[in-house]
Amino acid sequence: MRLKTFTSKTLPETMALVRERLGEDAVILSTQEIDGAVKVTAALDDDLSPELEPAAKRAAAEWISELAELLEAHRVPNGLADRILNASVHAGASDQEEMLVTALVSVFDFAPLRFRKAGQAKPAPLLMMGPPGAGKTATAAKLCAQARLAGQAAHLISMDTVSAGAREQVTAFAGALGVPLSFAETAAHLSEEVAKIPGDRLIVIDTMGVNPFVPEELAAVGEVVEAADALGLLVQPAGGDALEAAESALAFAEVGARLFVPTRLDAARRFGGILAAAQVAQLSIMAGGVSPNLGSGLSPLSPRGLAKLLAPQWSRLVVTDEDFMPATGTFQ
């Protein structure tokens, strides 16, 4: 089954596009009116897993139709929605949640929230980056808390020495966690601070929020990533416009963002921005900010965890340990 989404001003116009692209044998999976336009998700049914029995084919088609509606509800851009839908066609899953999990694994990359074990090589410093107010300082503190819970020593470095109340906030966080704290104002100073820290500690670096569409501000972030030889971690709030989120993520990826921690998941209901940002910028989804609590406010986002976030109504009644990624191991 090849799935595509089509949008036009009226239903007849949209259906004409469907017939033009997919032919007269196209099967309509869903039709939705959105912001004065009509969106149709259609497919060629002949390509749907020929080994399936007719009843199984009908069930799979129904699941895919519901998935198309789900992705639209989350405001997932059409191109990305098509990729997820097409991945779901070949999932061979026994239920809707498994279908979505398999599709997410096919389209996105995931980086488990893990920490170094004794005897392993020194982990790369993790450098928080993102727009102002995204929750970088809180995320840095939560990472330190997770490391401590996993038996990994951590050290927090703050580069936000200018924002009102920033120094007081990070000092309070470090004190509450019992984590050593350093400050650095320049890239050169950061490099010196990193060199002083013992190799058995996870280094977490907090930076000032920057406008991703101002080249000078982005360049400064790239300089500190290079100075610390760090792994860039994008911290960006959920719930915003998907295209805006994707453009922002792409800008940060150009200066070193490789991991992704979306925040404010508890205060958002549409997560198309998370998916668009991760896919366009090729970021590995690591964890999500789910509450202000330092000890439990950072939840690993495995493929199943993301599926539960997108479609809690499809979640299995019994949750197993495999649904979550343990905070052990090392950052690669």
Protein backbone atom coordinates (compact mmCIF):
# COMPACT_ATOMS: atom_id res chain seq x y z
CA MET A 1 0.00 0.00 0.00
CA ARG A 2 1.37 3.41 -1.01
CA LEU A 3 -0.11 6.21 1.07
CA LYS A 4 -0.25 9.89 0.21
CA THR A 5 -2.01 12.91 1.62
CA PHE A 6 -3.62 15.49 -0.66
CA THR A 7 -4.95 18.93 0.25
CA SER A 8 -7.02 21.36 -1.82
CA LYS A 9 -9.76 23.95 -1.33
CA THR A 10 -12.71 21.62 -1.97
CA LEU A 11 -13.39 17.90 -1.78
CA PRO A 12 -13.88 17.54 -5.58
CA GLU A 13 -10.54 19.27 -6.22
CA THR A 14 -8.78 17.07 -3.68
CA MET A 15 -10.33 13.90 -5.09
CA ALA A 16 -9.20 14.94 -8.57
CA LEU A 17 -5.63 15.10 -7.23
CA VAL A 18 -6.01 11.64 -5.70
CA ARG A 19 -7.20 10.12 -8.97
CA GLU A 20 -4.50 11.92 -10.94
CA ARG A 21 -1.65 10.70 -8.71
CA LEU A 22 -2.88 7.25 -7.62
CA GLY A 23 -5.44 6.34 -10.27
CA GLU A 24 -9.00 5.09 -10.11
CA ASP A 25 -8.13 2.18 -7.78
CA ALA A 26 -7.10 4.48 -4.92
CA VAL A 27 -8.75 3.76 -1.55
CA ILE A 28 -9.77 6.77 0.56
CA LEU A 29 -8.61 6.25 4.16
CA SER A 30 -9.65 9.56 5.69
CA THR A 31 -11.19 12.91 4.75
CA GLN A 32 -10.82 15.99 6.95
CA GLU A 33 -11.73 19.65 6.75
CA ILE A 34 -8.84 21.76 8.03
CA ASP A 35 -8.61 25.55 8.09
CA GLY A 36 -10.85 26.05 5.06
CA ALA A 37 -9.30 23.23 3.06
CA VAL A 38 -9.97 19.51 2.56
CA LYS A 39 -7.28 16.92 3.29
CA VAL A 40 -7.60 13.36 2.00
CA THR A 41 -5.37 10.43 2.85
CA ALA A 42 -5.51 7.77 0.13
CA ALA A 43 -3.71 4.58 -0.80
CA LEU A 44 -3.46 1.79 -3.32
CA ASP A 45 -4.91 -1.21 -1.53
CA ASP A 46 -3.42 -3.79 -3.91
CA ASP A 47 0.02 -3.29 -2.36
CA LEU A 48 -1.06 -4.08 1.21
CA SER A 49 0.74 -7.21 2.43
CA PRO A 50 -0.76 -9.79 0.03
CA GLU A 51 -0.24 -12.60 2.56
CA LEU A 52 -2.81 -11.04 4.91
CA GLU A 53 -6.31 -12.48 5.11
CA PRO A 54 -9.14 -10.15 3.96
CA ALA A 55 -10.24 -9.48 7.57
CA ALA A 56 -6.66 -8.62 8.56
CA LYS A 57 -6.39 -6.33 5.54
CA ARG A 58 -9.50 -4.48 6.59
CA ALA A 59 -8.22 -4.14 10.15
CA ALA A 60 -4.84 -2.83 8.95
CA ALA A 61 -6.55 -0.33 6.65
CA GLU A 62 -8.70 0.88 9.54
CA TRP A 63 -5.66 1.27 11.79
CA ILE A 64 -3.82 3.25 9.13
CA SER A 65 -6.87 5.46 8.62
CA GLU A 66 -6.96 6.16 12.36
CA LEU A 67 -3.22 6.84 12.33
CA ALA A 68 -3.69 9.36 9.52
CA GLU A 69 -6.27 11.17 11.64
CA LEU A 70 -3.99 11.00 14.67
CA LEU A 71 -1.06 12.56 12.79
CA GLU A 72 -3.31 15.33 11.54
CA ALA A 73 -4.55 15.98 15.08
CA HIS A 74 -0.92 16.44 16.13
CA ARG A 75 -0.37 18.78 13.15
CA VAL A 76 2.36 16.62 11.64
CA PRO A 77 3.47 18.09 8.27
CA ASN A 78 2.15 16.19 5.25
CA GLY A 79 5.50 14.90 4.00
CA LEU A 80 6.49 13.50 7.38
CA ALA A 81 3.00 12.07 7.92
CA ASP A 82 3.31 10.22 4.61
CA ARG A 83 6.64 8.71 5.72
CA ILE A 84 5.14 7.49 9.00
CA LEU A 85 2.05 6.13 7.28
CA ASN A 86 4.05 4.26 4.68
CA ALA A 87 6.28 2.80 7.40
CA SER A 88 3.18 1.61 9.22
CA VAL A 89 1.98 -0.28 6.13
CA HIS A 90 4.88 -2.73 6.40
CA ALA A 91 4.86 -2.98 10.19
CA GLY A 92 3.17 -6.37 10.28
CA ALA A 93 1.90 -5.46 13.73
CA SER A 94 -0.75 -7.21 15.79
CA ASP A 95 -2.25 -4.04 17.22
CA GLN A 96 -2.31 -0.28 16.66
CA GLU A 97 0.29 0.62 19.25
CA GLU A 98 2.76 -1.90 17.86
CA MET A 99 2.13 -0.54 14.36
CA LEU A 100 2.94 2.99 15.52
CA VAL A 101 6.02 1.89 17.48
CA THR A 102 7.40 0.05 14.45
CA ALA A 103 6.76 3.05 12.20
CA LEU A 104 8.50 5.42 14.64
CA VAL A 105 11.57 3.14 14.79
CA SER A 106 11.70 3.21 10.98
CA VAL A 107 11.50 7.00 10.66
CA PHE A 108 13.27 8.38 13.76
CA ASP A 109 16.48 7.85 15.68
CA PHE A 110 16.47 7.34 19.46
CA ALA A 111 19.32 7.78 21.94
CA PRO A 112 18.72 6.08 25.31
CA LEU A 113 19.20 8.17 28.43
CA ARG A 114 22.33 6.39 29.60
CA PHE A 115 25.34 7.14 31.71
CA ARG A 116 28.88 5.86 31.86
CA LYS A 117 29.66 2.70 33.79
CA ALA A 118 32.83 2.26 35.83
CA GLY A 119 35.82 1.41 33.65
CA GLN A 120 34.37 2.87 30.46
CA ALA A 121 35.86 5.77 28.53
CA LYS A 122 35.17 9.34 29.63
CA PRO A 123 31.77 10.46 28.28
CA ALA A 124 31.56 13.52 26.06
CA PRO A 125 30.31 16.67 27.83
CA LEU A 126 26.65 17.41 27.18
CA LEU A 127 26.00 21.00 26.16
CA MET A 128 22.47 22.37 26.44
CA MET A 129 21.39 24.68 23.61
CA GLY A 130 18.07 26.14 22.58
CA PRO A 131 15.87 29.24 22.47
CA PRO A 132 15.33 31.45 25.55
CA GLY A 133 12.96 30.02 28.14
CA ALA A 134 13.04 26.48 26.76
CA GLY A 135 14.10 24.94 30.08
CA LYS A 136 17.81 24.37 29.47
CA THR A 137 18.91 25.05 33.06
CA ALA A 138 16.23 22.77 34.50
CA THR A 139 17.10 20.07 31.94
CA ALA A 140 20.80 20.33 32.83
CA ALA A 141 19.93 19.91 36.51
CA LYS A 142 17.64 16.96 35.75
CA LEU A 143 20.42 15.25 33.79
CA CYS A 144 22.72 15.67 36.77
CA ALA A 145 20.02 14.22 39.03
CA GLN A 146 19.53 11.23 36.71
CA ALA A 147 23.28 10.66 36.64
CA ARG A 148 23.45 10.69 40.43
CA LEU A 149 20.58 8.20 40.64
CA ALA A 150 22.47 5.93 38.22
CA GLY A 151 25.61 6.12 40.35
CA GLN A 152 27.46 8.46 37.98
CA ALA A 153 29.29 11.50 39.34
CA ALA A 154 28.35 14.74 37.55
CA HIS A 155 29.65 18.30 37.28
CA LEU A 156 27.55 21.26 36.16
CA ILE A 157 28.99 24.24 34.28
CA SER A 158 26.90 27.35 33.65
CA MET A 159 27.62 29.85 30.91
CA ASP A 160 24.48 31.89 31.62
CA THR A 161 25.98 34.55 33.86
CA VAL A 162 23.98 37.47 32.45
CA SER A 163 20.26 36.57 32.51
CA ALA A 164 18.35 37.90 35.50
CA GLY A 165 18.34 35.33 38.29
CA ALA A 166 20.21 32.74 36.22
CA ARG A 167 23.20 32.44 38.56
CA GLU A 168 20.96 32.14 41.61
CA GLN A 169 18.78 29.49 39.95
CA VAL A 170 21.62 27.23 38.84
CA THR A 171 23.37 27.65 42.20
CA ALA A 172 20.19 26.53 43.97
CA PHE A 173 19.83 23.52 41.66
CA ALA A 174 23.45 22.44 42.13
CA GLY A 175 23.18 22.83 45.90
CA ALA A 176 19.99 20.78 46.07
CA LEU A 177 21.59 18.00 44.02
CA GLY A 178 24.98 18.08 45.72
CA VAL A 179 26.66 18.55 42.35
CA PRO A 180 29.85 20.63 41.87
CA LEU A 181 29.21 23.87 39.95
CA SER A 182 31.50 26.02 37.82
CA PHE A 183 30.93 29.15 35.76
CA ALA A 184 32.45 30.07 32.38
CA GLU A 185 31.90 33.29 30.45
CA THR A 186 33.78 32.58 27.20
CA ALA A 187 34.59 29.62 24.98
CA ALA A 188 38.23 29.74 26.07
CA HIS A 189 37.25 29.83 29.74
CA LEU A 190 34.88 26.89 29.17
CA SER A 191 37.68 24.84 27.64
CA GLU A 192 39.82 25.51 30.72
CA GLU A 193 37.03 24.52 33.11
CA VAL A 194 36.32 21.28 31.26
CA ALA A 195 40.00 20.35 31.39
CA LYS A 196 40.02 20.70 35.20
CA ILE A 197 37.16 18.27 35.84
CA PRO A 198 38.06 14.66 36.73
CA GLY A 199 37.43 12.12 33.99
CA ASP A 200 35.02 10.08 36.09
CA ARG A 201 32.33 12.79 35.99
CA LEU A 202 29.63 13.51 33.48
CA ILE A 203 29.99 17.17 32.48
CA VAL A 204 26.74 19.00 31.82
CA ILE A 205 27.03 22.50 30.35
CA ASP A 206 24.21 25.04 30.50
CA THR A 207 24.25 27.96 28.04
CA MET A 208 22.26 31.13 27.46
CA GLY A 209 19.19 30.95 25.26
CA VAL A 210 19.79 32.19 21.72
CA ASN A 211 17.66 33.18 18.77
CA PRO A 212 18.13 30.40 16.19
CA PHE A 213 17.53 32.86 13.36
CA VAL A 214 20.34 35.25 14.32
CA PRO A 215 23.59 33.96 12.74
CA GLU A 216 25.86 35.71 15.26
CA GLU A 217 24.13 34.11 18.23
CA LEU A 218 24.21 30.68 16.61
CA ALA A 219 27.89 31.04 15.76
CA ALA A 220 28.67 31.73 19.41
CA VAL A 221 26.97 28.46 20.37
CA GLY A 222 29.02 26.61 17.79
CA GLU A 223 32.20 28.05 19.29
CA VAL A 224 31.47 26.77 22.79
CA VAL A 225 30.50 23.31 21.44
CA GLU A 226 33.87 23.12 19.74
CA ALA A 227 35.77 24.54 22.73
CA ALA A 228 34.33 21.91 25.08
CA ASP A 229 34.47 19.10 22.49
CA ALA A 230 30.86 18.58 23.56
CA LEU A 231 27.81 16.77 22.32
CA GLY A 232 25.11 19.32 21.57
CA LEU A 233 21.72 18.68 23.15
CA LEU A 234 18.80 20.73 21.83
CA VAL A 235 16.25 21.72 24.46
CA GLN A 236 13.08 22.99 22.82
CA PRO A 237 9.50 23.23 24.14
CA ALA A 238 6.71 21.09 22.73
CA GLY A 239 3.39 22.40 21.53
CA GLY A 240 4.54 25.00 19.00
CA ASP A 241 4.07 25.25 15.26
CA ALA A 242 5.66 22.22 13.57
CA LEU A 243 7.36 24.13 10.76
CA GLU A 244 8.72 26.72 13.18
CA ALA A 245 10.05 23.96 15.43
CA ALA A 246 11.70 22.22 12.47
CA GLU A 247 13.41 25.41 11.26
CA SER A 248 14.69 26.14 14.76
CA ALA A 249 16.00 22.59 15.23
CA LEU A 250 17.72 22.64 11.86
CA ALA A 251 19.52 25.87 12.78
CA PHE A 252 20.80 24.38 16.04
CA ALA A 253 21.83 21.16 14.30
CA GLU A 254 24.11 23.22 12.05
CA VAL A 255 26.11 24.29 15.12
CA GLY A 256 26.38 20.93 16.82
CA ALA A 257 22.99 19.73 18.14
CA ARG A 258 22.83 15.95 17.89
CA LEU A 259 20.47 14.98 20.71
CA PHE A 260 16.97 16.25 21.41
CA VAL A 261 15.06 16.79 24.65
CA PRO A 262 11.62 18.34 24.09
CA THR A 263 10.28 20.04 27.21
CA ARG A 264 6.85 20.95 28.61
CA LEU A 265 5.33 17.70 27.43
CA ASP A 266 2.91 17.88 30.32
CA ALA A 267 1.61 21.26 29.12
CA ALA A 268 1.16 20.37 25.42
CA ARG A 269 -1.40 18.31 23.52
CA ARG A 270 -0.08 18.46 19.95
CA PHE A 271 3.35 16.96 19.31
CA GLY A 272 3.86 17.43 15.57
CA GLY A 273 6.60 19.94 16.38
CA ILE A 274 8.62 17.28 18.20
CA LEU A 275 8.42 14.91 15.25
CA ALA A 276 9.17 17.58 12.65
CA ALA A 277 12.16 18.94 14.60
CA ALA A 278 13.71 15.51 15.15
CA GLN A 279 13.22 14.33 11.58
CA VAL A 280 14.27 17.47 9.70
CA ALA A 281 17.35 18.13 11.84
CA GLN A 282 18.21 14.41 12.13
CA LEU A 283 18.32 14.60 15.92
CA SER A 284 18.29 11.56 18.19
CA ILE A 285 15.34 11.74 20.58
CA MET A 286 16.72 11.15 24.07
CA ALA A 287 14.24 12.19 26.73
CA GLY A 288 11.37 14.54 27.47
CA GLY A 289 10.70 17.11 30.15
CA VAL A 290 7.48 16.02 31.84
CA SER A 291 7.40 18.11 35.03
CA PRO A 292 9.39 20.72 37.00
CA ASN A 293 10.53 18.05 39.48
CA LEU A 294 14.31 17.62 39.37
CA GLY A 295 14.31 13.98 40.40
CA SER A 296 11.56 12.65 38.14
CA GLY A 297 10.94 15.46 35.66
CA LEU A 298 12.95 13.91 32.83
CA SER A 299 11.49 10.82 31.21
CA PRO A 300 13.32 8.66 28.65
CA LEU A 301 11.58 8.67 25.27
CA SER A 302 11.90 5.23 23.74
CA PRO A 303 9.92 4.46 20.57
CA ARG A 304 7.17 2.99 22.75
CA GLY A 305 7.32 5.95 25.10
CA LEU A 306 6.84 8.33 22.17
CA ALA A 307 3.99 6.19 20.87
CA LYS A 308 2.30 6.42 24.28
CA LEU A 309 2.73 10.18 24.15
CA LEU A 310 1.17 10.45 20.70
CA ALA A 311 -1.61 7.90 21.19
CA PRO A 312 -2.28 7.14 24.86
CA GLN A 313 -5.60 5.59 23.85
CA TRP A 314 -3.72 2.83 22.00
CA SER A 315 -1.43 1.99 24.89
CA ARG A 316 -1.48 -1.53 26.23
CA LEU A 317 -3.09 -2.05 29.60
CA VAL A 318 0.00 -3.86 30.90
CA VAL A 319 3.25 -1.85 30.93
CA THR A 320 6.49 -3.82 30.81
CA ASP A 321 10.06 -2.85 31.62
CA GLU A 322 10.82 -2.83 27.90
CA ASP A 323 8.59 0.23 27.50
CA PHE A 324 11.22 2.37 29.17
CA MET A 325 14.94 2.83 28.71
CA PRO A 326 17.01 2.41 31.88
CA ALA A 327 19.37 5.20 32.90
CA THR A 328 22.50 3.06 32.67
CA GLY A 329 25.38 2.68 30.25
CA THR A 330 27.07 5.52 28.39
CA PHE A 331 26.46 8.29 25.91
CA GLN A 332 27.90 7.36 22.53
